[in-house]
Amino acid sequence: MSRFNLEILLGIILVSFTTVIVVIYAFNEEDRMAEEAEAQHARAIEVGATVYENNCSGCHGPKGEGILGLCPPINDGQFFTTRLEEVGWSGSLEDYIISTVASGRATSTRPDEYAGQGRPAMPAWSDEFGGPLRPDQIQNVATFILNWESTALEEYVLEELATPTPSPEEEADPIARGQRVFLDRGCGGCHTIEGLSAGTVGPNQTNIGTVAETRIPGMSAEDYIQESILDPSAYVVEGFQDDVMPKNYNELLASEELSDLLAFLLSLR
C-alpha cells in the first residue's frame, strides 16, 4: 500500500472514530444537561438558604414559620395553593416571590394579623430600590422558598411550634429575657448585633447602649431607644429609610416585654 493510500485510510479511520465519539456524546447530552441543571438548582437552593438565613429569617422565622403579629408564614400549604389568588397575582409564584422581595410591600394584605396598617409592611430588598440584595441573590432566595413546596404543611399553627424553655437563671434575668424578645419579635431580620443577628435594613445595634446616648442631645439612651421602638419615624438614622420598621410595636409588645427589650439593648456597649 502506498503512503498516499495509507494516509487516506488513516484519515478515514480518524474521521470515523471522531464521528462515533460525537454521536455517543450527543446521545448522552440530554442526560448531561439534565444533571447540570439539577446541580445548578441545588446550588441555587444552597445559596438561597444562606441569603434567607441572613436577611429573612428574623421576620419570617428560621423555617418560614412566620412570627405572630409581625410576619406571616411562607412555609405552609396556603402560601403554595391559594396565596396568588388571594392577592390577585396572575403570574407564577416564583415571579410573585421575586417581585415582593425586590420591591417590598407597601401595605399588609392582612393588617388585622400582621404589621402594616397602611404603612410599609416589608422593605424593598433589591439594590435597584435601595436594598442590599442583587438580582441573583433574590432569584436564589426565591428558589430556596419554592423548595419548601413539597413538604409545606397544609395548616401551619404557629402556637404549636416548639420553643426552647428558658432556664430559671434566664427567666430571672431581664437582659436574657430581652434578648429573647429581640429574636422572637423578628428584630434580627433588620438589625445586626454581632454574634446574634445579621440584618442590614436597619441600623447596627451592636453598641446601641452607647450610641443611643449621643443620638439626640438631652435625651437619655433609654428614652431614645424606647421612642425608636414605639415611634420609629421620630428620628431616622442617616442612610436608612423611614417607614420600614413596623409602627405597631406598642400593640405587639406587652409592657414587660418592652422593659426587658430596653434592658437588653441598653446593655449593648
Protein backbone atom coordinates (compact mmCIF):
# COMPACT_ATOMS: atom_id res chain seq x y z
CA MET A 1 0.00 0.00 0.00
CA SER A 2 1.36 3.37 -0.98
CA ARG A 3 1.96 6.06 1.56
CA PHE A 4 -0.80 8.14 -0.05
CA ASN A 5 -3.35 5.35 0.31
CA LEU A 6 -2.20 4.73 3.90
CA GLU A 7 -2.78 8.36 4.77
CA ILE A 8 -6.25 8.21 3.24
CA LEU A 9 -7.04 5.08 5.24
CA LEU A 10 -5.81 6.63 8.47
CA GLY A 11 -7.84 9.76 7.72
CA ILE A 12 -10.97 7.68 7.18
CA ILE A 13 -10.37 5.80 10.45
CA LEU A 14 -9.78 9.05 12.36
CA VAL A 15 -12.92 10.67 10.93
CA SER A 16 -14.96 7.56 11.70
CA PHE A 17 -13.64 7.43 15.25
CA THR A 18 -14.40 11.13 15.76
CA THR A 19 -17.90 10.65 14.36
CA VAL A 20 -18.56 7.79 16.78
CA ILE A 21 -17.36 9.91 19.71
CA VAL A 22 -19.58 12.83 18.66
CA VAL A 23 -22.59 10.52 18.27
CA ILE A 24 -22.03 8.99 21.70
CA TYR A 25 -21.57 12.44 23.28
CA ALA A 26 -24.71 13.76 21.57
CA PHE A 27 -26.67 10.70 22.66
CA ASN A 28 -25.77 11.43 26.29
CA GLU A 29 -26.05 15.21 26.04
CA GLU A 30 -29.66 15.36 27.20
CA ASP A 31 -28.86 13.42 30.37
CA ARG A 32 -25.75 15.50 30.95
CA MET A 33 -27.68 18.74 30.59
CA ALA A 34 -30.37 17.47 32.94
CA GLU A 35 -27.72 16.58 35.54
CA GLU A 36 -26.10 20.00 35.17
CA ALA A 37 -29.46 21.74 35.53
CA GLU A 38 -30.16 19.72 38.66
CA ALA A 39 -26.75 20.61 40.08
CA GLN A 40 -27.29 24.31 39.37
CA HIS A 41 -30.73 24.13 41.02
CA ALA A 42 -29.19 22.54 44.11
CA ARG A 43 -26.53 25.26 44.26
CA ALA A 44 -29.21 27.95 43.95
CA ILE A 45 -31.12 26.42 46.87
CA GLU A 46 -27.95 26.29 48.97
CA VAL A 47 -27.05 29.92 48.24
CA GLY A 48 -30.66 30.99 48.72
CA ALA A 49 -30.75 29.30 52.13
CA THR A 50 -27.84 31.48 53.26
CA VAL A 51 -29.45 34.65 51.89
CA TYR A 52 -32.71 33.72 53.64
CA GLU A 53 -31.00 32.99 56.95
CA ASN A 54 -29.11 36.29 56.91
CA ASN A 55 -31.91 38.54 55.72
CA CYS A 56 -35.34 36.94 56.02
CA SER A 57 -35.40 34.52 58.95
CA GLY A 58 -35.62 37.26 61.57
CA CYS A 59 -39.11 38.23 60.36
CA HIS A 60 -40.42 35.08 58.65
CA GLY A 61 -38.82 32.56 61.01
CA PRO A 62 -35.82 30.24 60.51
CA LYS A 63 -38.03 27.64 58.83
CA GLY A 64 -40.50 30.03 57.23
CA GLU A 65 -42.94 29.52 60.07
CA GLY A 66 -43.64 33.23 60.49
CA ILE A 67 -43.80 35.31 63.66
CA LEU A 68 -47.15 36.01 65.27
CA GLY A 69 -48.21 39.62 64.86
CA LEU A 70 -45.19 40.50 62.73
CA CYS A 71 -44.79 38.44 59.55
CA PRO A 72 -46.84 35.58 58.05
CA PRO A 73 -45.56 32.07 57.40
CA ILE A 74 -44.31 31.24 53.92
CA ASN A 75 -43.63 27.56 54.55
CA ASP A 76 -47.26 26.41 54.63
CA GLY A 77 -49.80 24.96 52.28
CA GLN A 78 -51.78 28.18 51.95
CA PHE A 79 -48.79 30.03 50.51
CA PHE A 80 -48.37 27.46 47.75
CA THR A 81 -52.05 26.85 46.99
CA THR A 82 -54.15 29.98 47.47
CA ARG A 83 -51.80 32.92 48.05
CA LEU A 84 -51.71 34.11 44.44
CA GLU A 85 -55.48 34.08 44.19
CA GLU A 86 -55.81 35.99 47.48
CA VAL A 87 -53.59 38.84 46.28
CA GLY A 88 -54.82 38.77 42.67
CA TRP A 89 -51.46 37.84 41.16
CA SER A 90 -51.79 36.48 37.62
CA GLY A 91 -48.16 35.36 37.15
CA SER A 92 -46.22 32.48 38.63
CA LEU A 93 -45.45 32.01 42.31
CA GLU A 94 -41.75 32.43 41.54
CA ASP A 95 -42.39 35.82 39.92
CA TYR A 96 -44.57 36.81 42.88
CA ILE A 97 -41.81 35.98 45.37
CA ILE A 98 -39.15 37.80 43.34
CA SER A 99 -41.34 40.88 42.93
CA THR A 100 -42.31 41.02 46.60
CA VAL A 101 -38.74 40.58 47.84
CA ALA A 102 -37.33 43.06 45.34
CA SER A 103 -39.76 45.95 45.79
CA GLY A 104 -41.20 45.18 49.23
CA ARG A 105 -44.82 45.50 50.21
CA ALA A 106 -46.40 48.90 50.75
CA THR A 107 -49.20 47.62 52.97
CA SER A 108 -50.03 44.36 54.65
CA THR A 109 -52.59 42.17 52.90
CA ARG A 110 -53.73 41.05 56.35
CA PRO A 111 -53.41 44.20 58.52
CA ASP A 112 -55.57 42.71 61.25
CA GLU A 113 -52.97 39.97 61.76
CA TYR A 114 -49.62 41.40 60.71
CA ALA A 115 -47.67 44.64 60.55
CA GLY A 116 -48.66 47.33 58.10
CA GLN A 117 -51.81 49.24 58.99
CA GLY A 118 -51.45 51.40 55.87
CA ARG A 119 -47.67 51.79 56.19
CA PRO A 120 -44.87 49.83 54.53
CA ALA A 121 -45.13 46.26 55.77
CA MET A 122 -41.93 44.95 54.15
CA PRO A 123 -38.88 46.90 52.97
CA ALA A 124 -37.51 46.68 49.43
CA TRP A 125 -34.57 44.28 49.32
CA SER A 126 -33.36 44.84 45.77
CA ASP A 127 -30.32 47.09 45.30
CA GLU A 128 -32.34 48.67 42.49
CA PHE A 129 -34.67 50.11 45.16
CA GLY A 130 -32.02 50.87 47.76
CA GLY A 131 -31.91 47.43 49.38
CA PRO A 132 -28.88 45.17 49.99
CA LEU A 133 -29.57 42.27 47.58
CA ARG A 134 -28.53 41.72 43.97
CA PRO A 135 -30.99 40.20 41.46
CA ASP A 136 -29.18 36.84 41.55
CA GLN A 137 -29.47 36.70 45.34
CA ILE A 138 -33.20 37.41 45.14
CA GLN A 139 -33.58 34.71 42.48
CA ASN A 140 -31.73 32.25 44.73
CA VAL A 141 -33.86 33.02 47.78
CA ALA A 142 -36.98 32.52 45.64
CA THR A 143 -35.63 29.12 44.56
CA PHE A 144 -34.98 28.25 48.20
CA ILE A 145 -38.52 29.20 49.26
CA LEU A 146 -40.08 27.27 46.36
CA ASN A 147 -38.12 24.24 47.55
CA TRP A 148 -40.45 24.08 50.57
CA GLU A 149 -43.49 23.29 48.45
CA SER A 150 -43.21 19.51 48.60
CA THR A 151 -43.04 19.45 52.40
CA ALA A 152 -45.07 22.52 53.38
CA LEU A 153 -47.73 21.81 55.96
CA GLU A 154 -51.35 22.33 54.91
CA GLU A 155 -52.01 24.13 58.16
CA TYR A 156 -49.08 25.64 59.99
CA VAL A 157 -50.22 26.56 63.50
CA LEU A 158 -47.67 28.94 64.98
CA GLU A 159 -48.91 28.47 68.51
CA GLU A 160 -47.88 24.80 68.37
CA LEU A 161 -44.27 25.45 67.39
CA ALA A 162 -41.86 24.11 69.98
CA THR A 163 -39.83 26.87 71.65
CA PRO A 164 -36.83 26.34 73.93
CA THR A 165 -37.69 26.51 77.61
CA PRO A 166 -35.56 29.19 79.30
CA SER A 167 -33.56 28.22 82.34
CA PRO A 168 -34.52 29.67 85.76
CA GLU A 169 -31.47 31.94 85.53
CA GLU A 170 -32.53 33.26 82.12
CA GLU A 171 -36.10 33.69 83.27
CA ALA A 172 -34.91 35.82 86.19
CA ASP A 173 -32.58 37.98 84.07
CA PRO A 174 -34.29 40.89 82.25
CA ILE A 175 -31.36 41.16 79.80
CA ALA A 176 -31.69 37.48 78.84
CA ARG A 177 -35.45 37.89 78.54
CA GLY A 178 -34.91 40.98 76.41
CA GLN A 179 -32.60 39.13 74.07
CA ARG A 180 -35.32 36.54 73.59
CA VAL A 181 -37.83 39.32 72.79
CA PHE A 182 -35.36 40.73 70.23
CA LEU A 183 -35.19 37.36 68.49
CA ASP A 184 -38.83 36.31 68.89
CA ARG A 185 -40.17 39.60 67.55
CA GLY A 186 -38.00 39.48 64.44
CA CYS A 187 -35.72 42.43 65.24
CA GLY A 188 -32.71 40.49 63.96
CA GLY A 189 -34.22 40.37 60.50
CA CYS A 190 -33.38 44.06 60.04
CA HIS A 191 -30.73 44.81 62.67
CA THR A 192 -27.26 43.40 63.20
CA ILE A 193 -25.98 42.51 66.65
CA GLU A 194 -22.58 40.88 66.33
CA GLY A 195 -22.78 37.21 67.24
CA LEU A 196 -26.58 37.24 67.34
CA SER A 197 -28.11 38.58 64.12
CA ALA A 198 -27.09 39.89 60.70
CA GLY A 199 -29.88 42.16 59.43
CA THR A 200 -28.83 45.09 57.24
CA VAL A 201 -32.04 47.01 56.53
CA GLY A 202 -31.92 48.85 59.86
CA PRO A 203 -29.04 50.40 61.83
CA ASN A 204 -26.45 48.18 63.51
CA GLN A 205 -27.39 47.66 67.16
CA THR A 206 -24.15 46.05 68.37
CA ASN A 207 -23.26 49.06 70.57
CA ILE A 208 -26.64 50.74 70.75
CA GLY A 209 -26.44 51.19 74.52
CA THR A 210 -23.54 53.59 73.97
CA VAL A 211 -24.59 55.04 70.62
CA ALA A 212 -28.08 55.91 71.87
CA GLU A 213 -26.58 58.33 74.40
CA THR A 214 -25.35 60.54 71.55
CA ARG A 215 -28.26 60.38 69.08
CA ILE A 216 -30.36 63.29 70.35
CA PRO A 217 -28.84 65.91 72.71
CA GLY A 218 -30.63 65.98 76.04
CA MET A 219 -32.39 62.63 75.51
CA SER A 220 -31.33 59.62 77.56
CA ALA A 221 -30.32 56.39 75.87
CA GLU A 222 -33.35 54.62 77.35
CA ASP A 223 -35.80 57.26 76.15
CA TYR A 224 -34.23 57.30 72.69
CA ILE A 225 -34.38 53.52 72.29
CA GLN A 226 -37.95 53.35 73.56
CA GLU A 227 -39.04 56.11 71.19
CA SER A 228 -37.27 54.36 68.29
CA ILE A 229 -39.24 51.20 69.02
CA LEU A 230 -42.65 52.76 69.53
CA ASP A 231 -42.35 55.70 67.11
CA PRO A 232 -39.60 54.79 64.62
CA SER A 233 -40.26 57.82 62.40
CA ALA A 234 -39.46 60.25 65.21
CA TYR A 235 -35.75 60.01 64.39
CA VAL A 236 -34.42 58.23 61.31
CA VAL A 237 -30.73 57.37 61.32
CA GLU A 238 -28.90 58.89 58.35
CA GLY A 239 -28.51 56.41 55.49
CA PHE A 240 -31.65 54.44 56.35
CA GLN A 241 -35.23 54.66 55.10
CA ASP A 242 -38.24 55.85 57.06
CA ASP A 243 -41.42 53.77 57.14
CA VAL A 244 -39.55 50.46 57.04
CA MET A 245 -39.78 49.43 60.68
CA PRO A 246 -43.32 48.40 61.73
CA LYS A 247 -45.07 51.05 63.81
CA ASN A 248 -47.29 48.76 65.83
CA TYR A 249 -44.85 47.51 68.46
CA ASN A 250 -46.84 49.42 71.05
CA GLU A 251 -49.57 46.88 70.28
CA LEU A 252 -47.32 43.85 69.80
CA LEU A 253 -45.19 44.26 72.92
CA ALA A 254 -46.50 43.84 76.43
CA SER A 255 -45.11 46.37 78.90
CA GLU A 256 -42.86 43.71 80.47
CA GLU A 257 -41.53 42.70 77.03
CA LEU A 258 -40.74 46.31 76.21
CA SER A 259 -38.99 46.76 79.56
CA ASP A 260 -36.91 43.62 79.01
CA LEU A 261 -36.05 44.62 75.43
CA LEU A 262 -34.86 48.00 76.66
CA ALA A 263 -32.71 46.34 79.31
CA PHE A 264 -31.12 44.11 76.69
CA LEU A 265 -30.43 46.90 74.20
CA LEU A 266 -29.07 49.24 76.88
CA SER A 267 -26.60 46.50 77.87
CA LEU A 268 -25.03 46.51 74.40
CA ARG A 269 -21.94 48.65 74.79
